[in-house]
N, C-alpha and C. Protein backbone atom coordinates (compact mmCIF):
# COMPACT_ATOMS: atom_id res chain seq x y z
N MET A 1 3.19 11.00 -5.90
CA MET A 1 3.79 9.95 -5.12
C MET A 1 4.97 10.55 -4.35
N LYS A 2 5.06 10.19 -3.08
CA LYS A 2 6.14 10.71 -2.24
C LYS A 2 7.06 9.57 -1.82
N ILE A 3 8.32 9.82 -1.99
CA ILE A 3 9.35 8.86 -1.61
C ILE A 3 10.24 9.52 -0.57
N TYR A 4 10.51 8.76 0.49
CA TYR A 4 11.36 9.27 1.57
C TYR A 4 12.67 8.50 1.55
N GLN A 5 13.73 9.20 1.14
CA GLN A 5 15.04 8.57 1.00
C GLN A 5 15.58 8.06 2.34
N ASN A 6 15.23 8.73 3.44
CA ASN A 6 15.78 8.35 4.74
C ASN A 6 14.84 7.44 5.53
N SER A 7 13.83 6.90 4.87
CA SER A 7 12.90 5.96 5.51
C SER A 7 13.57 4.61 5.68
N SER A 8 13.15 3.87 6.71
CA SER A 8 13.67 2.51 6.89
C SER A 8 13.02 1.55 5.88
N GLU A 9 11.92 1.99 5.28
CA GLU A 9 11.24 1.17 4.27
C GLU A 9 11.93 1.37 2.92
N PRO A 10 12.30 0.27 2.25
CA PRO A 10 12.95 0.41 0.94
C PRO A 10 12.08 1.21 -0.04
N ILE A 11 12.72 1.88 -0.96
CA ILE A 11 12.01 2.73 -1.92
C ILE A 11 11.01 1.93 -2.74
N TYR A 12 11.40 0.74 -3.19
CA TYR A 12 10.46 -0.04 -4.00
C TYR A 12 9.21 -0.39 -3.20
N LYS A 13 9.36 -0.62 -1.89
CA LYS A 13 8.22 -0.91 -1.03
C LYS A 13 7.34 0.33 -0.87
N GLN A 14 7.96 1.50 -0.78
CA GLN A 14 7.19 2.74 -0.69
C GLN A 14 6.33 2.92 -1.94
N ILE A 15 6.92 2.64 -3.09
CA ILE A 15 6.19 2.77 -4.36
C ILE A 15 5.05 1.77 -4.42
N SER A 16 5.36 0.49 -4.17
CA SER A 16 4.32 -0.53 -4.27
C SER A 16 3.21 -0.29 -3.25
N SER A 17 3.55 0.18 -2.08
CA SER A 17 2.55 0.45 -1.05
C SER A 17 1.60 1.57 -1.48
N GLN A 18 2.15 2.63 -2.04
CA GLN A 18 1.31 3.74 -2.48
C GLN A 18 0.41 3.35 -3.65
N LEU A 19 0.96 2.59 -4.58
CA LEU A 19 0.15 2.13 -5.72
C LEU A 19 -0.91 1.14 -5.25
N ARG A 20 -0.53 0.24 -4.32
CA ARG A 20 -1.48 -0.72 -3.77
C ARG A 20 -2.66 0.01 -3.12
N ASP A 21 -2.35 1.05 -2.34
CA ASP A 21 -3.40 1.84 -1.70
C ASP A 21 -4.33 2.46 -2.74
N GLN A 22 -3.76 2.97 -3.82
CA GLN A 22 -4.58 3.58 -4.87
C GLN A 22 -5.48 2.55 -5.55
N ILE A 23 -4.98 1.34 -5.70
CA ILE A 23 -5.78 0.27 -6.31
C ILE A 23 -6.89 -0.17 -5.36
N LEU A 24 -6.53 -0.38 -4.10
CA LEU A 24 -7.50 -0.89 -3.13
C LEU A 24 -8.58 0.13 -2.78
N THR A 25 -8.26 1.40 -2.91
CA THR A 25 -9.27 2.43 -2.62
C THR A 25 -10.05 2.84 -3.86
N GLY A 26 -9.70 2.27 -5.00
CA GLY A 26 -10.44 2.57 -6.22
C GLY A 26 -9.97 3.80 -6.97
N LYS A 27 -8.89 4.43 -6.51
CA LYS A 27 -8.35 5.59 -7.24
C LYS A 27 -7.77 5.13 -8.57
N LEU A 28 -7.22 3.92 -8.58
CA LEU A 28 -6.80 3.28 -9.83
C LEU A 28 -7.76 2.12 -10.04
N ARG A 29 -8.37 2.07 -11.21
CA ARG A 29 -9.39 1.06 -11.50
C ARG A 29 -8.90 0.05 -12.54
N ALA A 30 -9.65 -1.03 -12.65
CA ALA A 30 -9.31 -2.08 -13.61
C ALA A 30 -9.07 -1.48 -14.99
N GLY A 31 -7.94 -1.84 -15.59
CA GLY A 31 -7.60 -1.36 -16.93
C GLY A 31 -6.78 -0.09 -16.95
N ASP A 32 -6.72 0.62 -15.82
CA ASP A 32 -5.91 1.84 -15.78
C ASP A 32 -4.44 1.49 -15.92
N PRO A 33 -3.71 2.27 -16.71
CA PRO A 33 -2.27 2.01 -16.83
C PRO A 33 -1.52 2.62 -15.65
N LEU A 34 -0.46 1.94 -15.23
CA LEU A 34 0.47 2.54 -14.27
C LEU A 34 1.42 3.42 -15.07
N PRO A 35 2.04 4.39 -14.42
CA PRO A 35 3.05 5.18 -15.15
C PRO A 35 4.12 4.24 -15.70
N SER A 36 4.69 4.60 -16.82
CA SER A 36 5.75 3.74 -17.36
C SER A 36 6.89 3.66 -16.35
N ILE A 37 7.57 2.53 -16.38
CA ILE A 37 8.67 2.32 -15.43
C ILE A 37 9.72 3.41 -15.57
N ARG A 38 10.07 3.73 -16.81
CA ARG A 38 11.09 4.76 -17.04
C ARG A 38 10.62 6.14 -16.59
N ALA A 39 9.37 6.47 -16.90
CA ALA A 39 8.85 7.79 -16.53
C ALA A 39 8.78 7.95 -15.01
N LEU A 40 8.30 6.92 -14.33
CA LEU A 40 8.22 7.00 -12.87
C LEU A 40 9.60 7.09 -12.25
N ALA A 41 10.53 6.30 -12.76
CA ALA A 41 11.90 6.35 -12.26
C ALA A 41 12.49 7.74 -12.44
N GLN A 42 12.24 8.32 -13.60
CA GLN A 42 12.75 9.66 -13.88
C GLN A 42 12.10 10.70 -12.97
N ASP A 43 10.78 10.63 -12.81
CA ASP A 43 10.05 11.58 -11.96
C ASP A 43 10.53 11.51 -10.51
N LEU A 44 10.78 10.29 -10.02
CA LEU A 44 11.19 10.12 -8.63
C LEU A 44 12.70 10.19 -8.43
N LYS A 45 13.42 10.28 -9.55
CA LYS A 45 14.88 10.33 -9.52
C LYS A 45 15.46 9.09 -8.83
N ILE A 46 14.97 7.94 -9.29
CA ILE A 46 15.43 6.65 -8.78
C ILE A 46 15.77 5.76 -9.97
N SER A 47 16.30 4.58 -9.68
CA SER A 47 16.67 3.69 -10.78
C SER A 47 15.46 2.97 -11.35
N VAL A 48 15.58 2.61 -12.61
CA VAL A 48 14.56 1.84 -13.30
C VAL A 48 14.37 0.49 -12.60
N ILE A 49 15.45 -0.08 -12.12
CA ILE A 49 15.41 -1.38 -11.44
C ILE A 49 14.54 -1.31 -10.18
N THR A 50 14.65 -0.22 -9.44
CA THR A 50 13.84 -0.04 -8.23
C THR A 50 12.36 0.03 -8.58
N THR A 51 12.04 0.79 -9.61
CA THR A 51 10.65 0.92 -10.05
C THR A 51 10.13 -0.44 -10.53
N MET A 52 10.93 -1.13 -11.30
CA MET A 52 10.53 -2.44 -11.82
C MET A 52 10.27 -3.42 -10.67
N LYS A 53 11.08 -3.36 -9.63
CA LYS A 53 10.90 -4.25 -8.48
C LYS A 53 9.55 -3.98 -7.81
N ALA A 54 9.16 -2.73 -7.70
CA ALA A 54 7.86 -2.37 -7.12
C ALA A 54 6.73 -2.92 -7.97
N TYR A 55 6.83 -2.75 -9.28
CA TYR A 55 5.79 -3.23 -10.19
C TYR A 55 5.70 -4.75 -10.17
N GLU A 56 6.85 -5.41 -10.10
CA GLU A 56 6.86 -6.87 -10.05
C GLU A 56 6.21 -7.38 -8.77
N GLU A 57 6.39 -6.66 -7.67
CA GLU A 57 5.75 -7.03 -6.41
C GLU A 57 4.22 -6.95 -6.55
N LEU A 58 3.74 -5.87 -7.15
CA LEU A 58 2.29 -5.72 -7.36
C LEU A 58 1.76 -6.79 -8.31
N SER A 59 2.56 -7.14 -9.29
CA SER A 59 2.17 -8.18 -10.23
C SER A 59 2.08 -9.54 -9.52
N ALA A 60 3.04 -9.82 -8.66
CA ALA A 60 3.04 -11.09 -7.91
C ALA A 60 1.82 -11.18 -6.99
N GLU A 61 1.33 -10.05 -6.54
CA GLU A 61 0.15 -10.02 -5.68
C GLU A 61 -1.15 -10.10 -6.48
N GLY A 62 -1.03 -10.04 -7.81
CA GLY A 62 -2.20 -10.13 -8.66
C GLY A 62 -2.93 -8.81 -8.85
N LEU A 63 -2.31 -7.71 -8.44
CA LEU A 63 -2.97 -6.41 -8.55
C LEU A 63 -2.81 -5.79 -9.92
N VAL A 64 -1.70 -6.09 -10.59
CA VAL A 64 -1.43 -5.53 -11.92
C VAL A 64 -0.92 -6.63 -12.84
N THR A 65 -0.99 -6.35 -14.13
CA THR A 65 -0.49 -7.27 -15.15
C THR A 65 0.37 -6.49 -16.12
N SER A 66 1.44 -7.13 -16.56
CA SER A 66 2.32 -6.53 -17.56
C SER A 66 1.84 -6.93 -18.95
N SER A 67 1.79 -5.95 -19.83
CA SER A 67 1.48 -6.21 -21.23
C SER A 67 2.72 -5.85 -22.03
N LYS A 68 3.33 -6.86 -22.63
CA LYS A 68 4.60 -6.66 -23.32
C LYS A 68 4.54 -5.48 -24.29
N GLY A 69 5.46 -4.55 -24.09
CA GLY A 69 5.55 -3.39 -24.96
C GLY A 69 4.57 -2.27 -24.64
N LYS A 70 3.63 -2.54 -23.73
CA LYS A 70 2.62 -1.53 -23.41
C LYS A 70 2.70 -1.04 -21.97
N GLY A 71 3.26 -1.85 -21.08
CA GLY A 71 3.40 -1.44 -19.69
C GLY A 71 2.55 -2.27 -18.74
N TYR A 72 2.32 -1.71 -17.58
CA TYR A 72 1.56 -2.40 -16.53
C TYR A 72 0.17 -1.78 -16.41
N PHE A 73 -0.81 -2.65 -16.17
CA PHE A 73 -2.20 -2.23 -16.06
C PHE A 73 -2.83 -2.85 -14.82
N VAL A 74 -3.76 -2.11 -14.22
CA VAL A 74 -4.46 -2.58 -13.03
C VAL A 74 -5.41 -3.71 -13.42
N ASN A 75 -5.36 -4.79 -12.65
CA ASN A 75 -6.26 -5.92 -12.87
C ASN A 75 -7.62 -5.64 -12.24
N ALA A 76 -8.64 -6.29 -12.77
CA ALA A 76 -9.94 -6.28 -12.10
C ALA A 76 -9.75 -7.02 -10.78
N GLN A 77 -10.31 -6.49 -9.73
CA GLN A 77 -10.13 -7.08 -8.40
C GLN A 77 -11.40 -7.79 -7.97
N ASP A 78 -11.26 -9.04 -7.55
CA ASP A 78 -12.45 -9.68 -7.02
C ASP A 78 -12.58 -9.33 -5.53
N GLU A 79 -13.76 -9.43 -5.03
CA GLU A 79 -14.06 -9.00 -3.66
C GLU A 79 -13.23 -9.75 -2.63
N ARG A 80 -13.01 -11.05 -2.87
CA ARG A 80 -12.23 -11.85 -1.92
C ARG A 80 -10.78 -11.36 -1.85
N LEU A 81 -10.21 -11.08 -3.02
CA LEU A 81 -8.84 -10.59 -3.06
C LEU A 81 -8.74 -9.22 -2.40
N LEU A 82 -9.70 -8.35 -2.67
CA LEU A 82 -9.69 -7.03 -2.04
C LEU A 82 -9.79 -7.14 -0.53
N ALA A 83 -10.69 -8.00 -0.04
CA ALA A 83 -10.85 -8.18 1.40
C ALA A 83 -9.56 -8.69 2.02
N GLU A 84 -8.89 -9.61 1.33
CA GLU A 84 -7.63 -10.17 1.82
C GLU A 84 -6.54 -9.08 1.87
N GLN A 85 -6.48 -8.27 0.83
CA GLN A 85 -5.49 -7.18 0.80
C GLN A 85 -5.76 -6.18 1.92
N HIS A 86 -7.04 -5.83 2.12
CA HIS A 86 -7.39 -4.90 3.20
C HIS A 86 -7.03 -5.49 4.56
N MET A 87 -7.25 -6.78 4.74
CA MET A 87 -6.91 -7.43 6.01
C MET A 87 -5.40 -7.39 6.23
N ARG A 88 -4.63 -7.62 5.19
CA ARG A 88 -3.16 -7.54 5.33
C ARG A 88 -2.73 -6.14 5.75
N GLN A 89 -3.35 -5.13 5.13
CA GLN A 89 -3.03 -3.75 5.49
C GLN A 89 -3.40 -3.47 6.94
N LEU A 90 -4.59 -3.92 7.35
CA LEU A 90 -5.04 -3.72 8.72
C LEU A 90 -4.08 -4.38 9.70
N GLU A 91 -3.68 -5.60 9.40
CA GLU A 91 -2.75 -6.32 10.28
C GLU A 91 -1.43 -5.56 10.40
N GLN A 92 -0.95 -5.00 9.30
CA GLN A 92 0.31 -4.25 9.36
C GLN A 92 0.15 -2.99 10.19
N HIS A 93 -0.95 -2.27 9.99
CA HIS A 93 -1.19 -1.06 10.78
C HIS A 93 -1.32 -1.38 12.27
N LEU A 94 -2.02 -2.46 12.59
CA LEU A 94 -2.19 -2.84 13.99
C LEU A 94 -0.86 -3.29 14.59
N THR A 95 -0.05 -3.99 13.81
CA THR A 95 1.28 -4.39 14.28
C THR A 95 2.12 -3.16 14.61
N ASP A 96 2.06 -2.16 13.74
CA ASP A 96 2.78 -0.91 13.99
C ASP A 96 2.26 -0.21 15.24
N ALA A 97 0.92 -0.21 15.40
CA ALA A 97 0.31 0.43 16.57
C ALA A 97 0.71 -0.29 17.86
N ILE A 98 0.73 -1.61 17.83
CA ILE A 98 1.13 -2.38 19.01
C ILE A 98 2.58 -2.07 19.37
N HIS A 99 3.41 -2.01 18.37
CA HIS A 99 4.83 -1.67 18.60
C HIS A 99 4.95 -0.29 19.26
N SER A 100 4.22 0.69 18.74
CA SER A 100 4.25 2.04 19.31
C SER A 100 3.71 2.05 20.74
N ALA A 101 2.65 1.30 20.97
CA ALA A 101 2.05 1.24 22.31
C ALA A 101 3.03 0.64 23.32
N ARG A 102 3.73 -0.40 22.90
CA ARG A 102 4.71 -1.04 23.81
C ARG A 102 5.86 -0.10 24.12
N ILE A 103 6.30 0.63 23.12
CA ILE A 103 7.37 1.61 23.34
C ILE A 103 6.91 2.67 24.34
N ALA A 104 5.63 3.06 24.23
CA ALA A 104 5.07 4.09 25.12
C ALA A 104 4.70 3.53 26.49
N GLY A 105 4.82 2.22 26.67
CA GLY A 105 4.50 1.61 27.94
C GLY A 105 3.01 1.45 28.19
N LEU A 106 2.22 1.44 27.14
CA LEU A 106 0.77 1.29 27.28
C LEU A 106 0.39 -0.19 27.33
N GLY A 107 -0.66 -0.48 28.08
CA GLY A 107 -1.16 -1.84 28.18
C GLY A 107 -2.30 -2.07 27.22
N LEU A 108 -2.73 -3.34 27.15
CA LEU A 108 -3.81 -3.72 26.24
C LEU A 108 -5.10 -2.95 26.55
N ASP A 109 -5.40 -2.75 27.82
CA ASP A 109 -6.63 -2.02 28.17
C ASP A 109 -6.61 -0.60 27.62
N GLU A 110 -5.47 0.07 27.73
CA GLU A 110 -5.37 1.44 27.22
C GLU A 110 -5.48 1.47 25.69
N VAL A 111 -4.86 0.51 25.05
CA VAL A 111 -4.92 0.44 23.59
C VAL A 111 -6.36 0.14 23.15
N THR A 112 -7.00 -0.79 23.83
CA THR A 112 -8.39 -1.15 23.51
C THR A 112 -9.30 0.06 23.68
N GLN A 113 -9.13 0.79 24.78
CA GLN A 113 -9.95 1.98 25.02
C GLN A 113 -9.73 3.03 23.93
N THR A 114 -8.50 3.22 23.53
CA THR A 114 -8.19 4.17 22.46
C THR A 114 -8.83 3.74 21.15
N LEU A 115 -8.74 2.45 20.84
CA LEU A 115 -9.35 1.94 19.61
C LEU A 115 -10.87 2.12 19.65
N GLU A 116 -11.48 1.81 20.77
CA GLU A 116 -12.94 1.96 20.89
C GLU A 116 -13.34 3.43 20.74
N THR A 117 -12.57 4.34 21.33
CA THR A 117 -12.87 5.77 21.22
C THR A 117 -12.76 6.22 19.77
N LEU A 118 -11.67 5.84 19.12
CA LEU A 118 -11.48 6.23 17.72
C LEU A 118 -12.54 5.59 16.83
N TRP A 119 -12.91 4.36 17.11
CA TRP A 119 -13.93 3.67 16.33
C TRP A 119 -15.26 4.42 16.43
N SER A 120 -15.62 4.86 17.63
CA SER A 120 -16.91 5.54 17.82
C SER A 120 -16.90 6.94 17.18
N ILE A 121 -15.76 7.59 17.19
CA ILE A 121 -15.65 8.92 16.56
C ILE A 121 -15.84 8.78 15.05
N ASP A 122 -15.25 7.71 14.48
CA ASP A 122 -15.27 7.51 13.02
C ASP A 122 -16.46 6.67 12.58
N ASP A 123 -17.32 6.25 13.51
CA ASP A 123 -18.46 5.38 13.19
C ASP A 123 -19.31 5.95 12.06
N GLY A 124 -19.42 5.17 11.00
CA GLY A 124 -20.23 5.59 9.87
C GLY A 124 -19.54 6.52 8.90
N ALA A 125 -18.32 6.95 9.21
CA ALA A 125 -17.63 7.90 8.33
C ALA A 125 -16.98 7.21 7.15
N GLY A 126 -16.79 5.93 7.20
CA GLY A 126 -16.09 5.32 6.09
C GLY A 126 -16.42 3.92 5.96
């Protein structure tokens, strides 16, 4: 896991985002334990409170569950929830791309053409 101290994104969001990606891509599966809050905090050299905030965010989203005295575990994901999570991620990525395009002075036609080109290059790859 990589944390960027000088990022505009809060550290707890960086943690939850990376763990969310691992869950949504199947790298972490139902029943898998997350690293203990203390161990992750120690490894990343951050506070336990920051790590706990990230885990609580994932729990609120229904991605993980806390088991008292045992830690956090990945929940089984239903297809509807996974599709919703993927759509949220896509919307965030597209929002970021639109922001970058506007800064670069690109119009919708140029962005659409770029998306179509990238889509055709990656067609069937994933």
